[in-house]
Amino acid sequence: MANTSLSEIYDYFLMTVTDYRLIDLFNTSLPDFEDYLQKWLDFAIVDFKVCDQDLNYNNTTKEFPAELSRDNKTILATLMMRYWLQKVVGDITQLNLHITDRDFKIASEAQNLREKSNHLNIVKEQCSQLLQDYSYKRNDWTDWYTQSFSGV
């Protein structure tokens, strides 16, 4: 059985975001790039408590101990995107839009932050829904179907 490398999760993550600074870091230093993304993966793993596979990866080989399912890879990447977006929204330098008219610049910066915050809230809701759906799919509903509540 093959193990899943952390870079597979990073590939899923990079399909969901467009960040030229990440691309530049990748082109400059692959080890720094992987270290940078690993922090977001760690946040994602903490949030993914309901995972049915072991998410304790080997830090030396940069691999999970098993082949993760596509669902698990996708959820980890989506959770990583949530934390990436949270950083983007919190990054005050992102507000610099370099528009020449001062009044328009202030309004544009405020609108930019508002839209990013709204998008972050949507992504948080999507992550929450993904985790709920994942949990419900993996629950044994047999007792509920037969109305057998002996454990209650």
Protein backbone atom coordinates (compact mmCIF):
# COMPACT_ATOMS: atom_id res chain seq x y z
CA MET A 1 0.00 0.00 0.00
CA ALA A 2 1.38 3.39 -0.99
CA ASN A 3 1.69 6.30 1.38
CA THR A 4 0.41 9.78 0.62
CA SER A 5 3.05 12.47 0.43
CA LEU A 6 2.38 15.92 1.83
CA SER A 7 3.08 17.31 -1.63
CA GLU A 8 -0.07 15.57 -2.92
CA ILE A 9 -2.14 17.57 -0.44
CA TYR A 10 -0.25 20.72 -1.44
CA ASP A 11 -1.16 20.04 -5.09
CA TYR A 12 -4.84 19.82 -4.16
CA PHE A 13 -4.50 23.04 -2.16
CA LEU A 14 -2.75 24.90 -4.98
CA MET A 15 -5.62 24.03 -7.30
CA THR A 16 -7.95 26.07 -5.07
CA VAL A 17 -5.90 29.25 -4.66
CA THR A 18 -4.09 31.76 -6.81
CA ASP A 19 -1.24 33.38 -4.96
CA TYR A 20 1.72 34.67 -6.93
CA ARG A 21 3.78 34.96 -3.76
CA LEU A 22 3.39 31.20 -3.24
CA ILE A 23 4.40 30.55 -6.83
CA ASP A 24 7.43 32.81 -6.39
CA LEU A 25 8.38 30.98 -3.18
CA PHE A 26 8.01 27.65 -4.98
CA ASN A 27 10.30 28.83 -7.78
CA THR A 28 12.82 30.28 -5.32
CA SER A 29 13.07 27.54 -2.70
CA LEU A 30 11.10 24.30 -2.66
CA PRO A 31 12.06 23.44 0.96
CA ASP A 32 10.91 26.87 2.19
CA PHE A 33 7.72 26.52 0.15
CA GLU A 34 6.95 23.11 1.68
CA ASP A 35 7.73 24.35 5.20
CA TYR A 36 5.41 27.30 4.65
CA LEU A 37 2.52 25.13 3.45
CA GLN A 38 3.11 22.54 6.16
CA LYS A 39 1.90 25.02 8.79
CA TRP A 40 -1.46 25.36 7.04
CA LEU A 41 -1.63 21.58 6.73
CA ASP A 42 -1.06 21.29 10.48
CA PHE A 43 -3.99 23.66 11.11
CA ALA A 44 -6.12 21.61 8.72
CA ILE A 45 -5.25 18.35 10.47
CA VAL A 46 -6.27 19.79 13.84
CA ASP A 47 -9.65 20.79 12.37
CA PHE A 48 -10.17 17.40 10.72
CA LYS A 49 -10.86 15.47 13.93
CA VAL A 50 -13.46 13.19 12.31
CA CYS A 51 -11.06 11.75 9.71
CA ASP A 52 -11.30 7.97 9.38
CA GLN A 53 -7.60 7.68 8.51
CA ASP A 54 -4.44 8.37 10.48
CA LEU A 55 -3.26 11.94 9.81
CA ASN A 56 -0.07 11.72 11.87
CA TYR A 57 2.49 12.14 9.12
CA ASN A 58 6.18 11.29 9.30
CA ASN A 59 8.04 14.59 9.40
CA THR A 60 11.20 13.00 8.02
CA THR A 61 9.68 11.33 4.95
CA LYS A 62 6.89 13.94 4.62
CA GLU A 63 4.31 11.17 4.18
CA PHE A 64 1.12 10.00 5.78
CA PRO A 65 1.22 6.36 6.94
CA ALA A 66 -1.38 5.27 4.34
CA GLU A 67 -2.91 6.23 1.02
CA LEU A 68 -5.45 8.90 1.94
CA SER A 69 -8.81 8.76 0.20
CA ARG A 70 -9.71 11.45 -2.31
CA ASP A 71 -12.31 12.80 0.14
CA ASN A 72 -9.69 13.16 2.86
CA LYS A 73 -7.22 14.87 0.54
CA THR A 74 -9.89 17.28 -0.67
CA ILE A 75 -11.04 18.14 2.84
CA LEU A 76 -7.47 18.76 4.02
CA ALA A 77 -6.84 21.03 1.01
CA THR A 78 -10.07 22.92 1.61
CA LEU A 79 -9.21 23.44 5.26
CA MET A 80 -5.76 24.65 4.21
CA MET A 81 -7.43 27.12 1.87
CA ARG A 82 -9.49 28.42 4.78
CA TYR A 83 -6.34 29.23 6.75
CA TRP A 84 -4.60 30.67 3.71
CA LEU A 85 -7.59 32.94 3.10
CA GLN A 86 -7.68 33.90 6.77
CA LYS A 87 -4.06 35.04 6.41
CA VAL A 88 -4.88 36.98 3.23
CA VAL A 89 -7.76 38.78 4.94
CA GLY A 90 -5.59 39.55 7.95
CA ASP A 91 -2.70 40.82 5.82
CA ILE A 92 -2.95 44.59 6.02
CA THR A 93 -0.55 45.04 3.10
CA GLN A 94 -3.18 43.47 0.82
CA LEU A 95 -5.17 46.68 1.23
CA ASN A 96 -2.72 48.62 -0.90
CA LEU A 97 -4.47 48.73 -4.26
CA HIS A 98 -2.30 51.52 -5.70
CA ILE A 99 -5.13 53.57 -7.16
CA THR A 100 -4.24 57.21 -7.69
CA ASP A 101 -7.45 59.02 -6.65
CA ARG A 102 -7.31 59.22 -2.82
CA ASP A 103 -11.06 59.04 -2.17
CA PHE A 104 -11.50 56.16 -4.56
CA LYS A 105 -8.49 54.39 -3.04
CA ILE A 106 -9.93 54.48 0.48
CA ALA A 107 -13.33 53.24 -0.71
CA SER A 108 -11.72 50.52 -2.84
CA GLU A 109 -9.54 49.29 0.02
CA ALA A 110 -12.54 49.07 2.32
CA GLN A 111 -14.58 47.27 -0.33
CA ASN A 112 -11.68 44.90 -1.01
CA LEU A 113 -11.39 43.98 2.67
CA ARG A 114 -15.17 43.57 2.99
CA GLU A 115 -15.32 41.23 -0.01
CA LYS A 116 -12.38 39.15 1.23
CA SER A 117 -13.99 38.89 4.67
CA ASN A 118 -17.28 37.81 3.09
CA HIS A 119 -15.44 35.20 1.04
CA LEU A 120 -13.65 33.93 4.15
CA ASN A 121 -17.00 33.51 5.90
CA ILE A 122 -18.35 31.54 2.94
CA VAL A 123 -15.28 29.28 2.94
CA LYS A 124 -15.64 28.70 6.70
CA GLU A 125 -19.25 27.63 6.16
CA GLN A 126 -18.20 25.33 3.32
CA CYS A 127 -15.55 23.73 5.54
CA SER A 128 -18.06 23.21 8.30
CA GLN A 129 -20.53 21.64 5.89
CA LEU A 130 -17.82 19.38 4.41
CA LEU A 131 -16.91 18.10 7.87
CA GLN A 132 -20.56 17.53 8.82
CA ASP A 133 -21.31 15.66 5.60
CA TYR A 134 -18.18 13.59 6.06
CA SER A 135 -19.21 12.66 9.62
CA TYR A 136 -22.75 11.72 8.61
CA LYS A 137 -21.56 9.52 5.75
CA ARG A 138 -19.30 7.55 8.06
CA ASN A 139 -21.82 7.06 10.86
CA ASP A 140 -23.55 3.69 11.27
CA TRP A 141 -27.24 4.55 10.99
CA THR A 142 -28.49 0.95 11.28
CA ASP A 143 -29.95 1.41 14.77
CA TRP A 144 -31.72 4.56 13.69
CA TYR A 145 -33.25 2.83 10.67
CA THR A 146 -34.55 -0.01 12.82
CA GLN A 147 -35.52 2.33 15.68
CA SER A 148 -33.36 0.28 18.05
CA PHE A 149 -32.13 2.66 20.75
CA SER A 150 -30.84 0.16 23.30
CA GLY A 151 -27.70 2.19 24.03
CA VAL A 152 -29.68 5.27 25.08
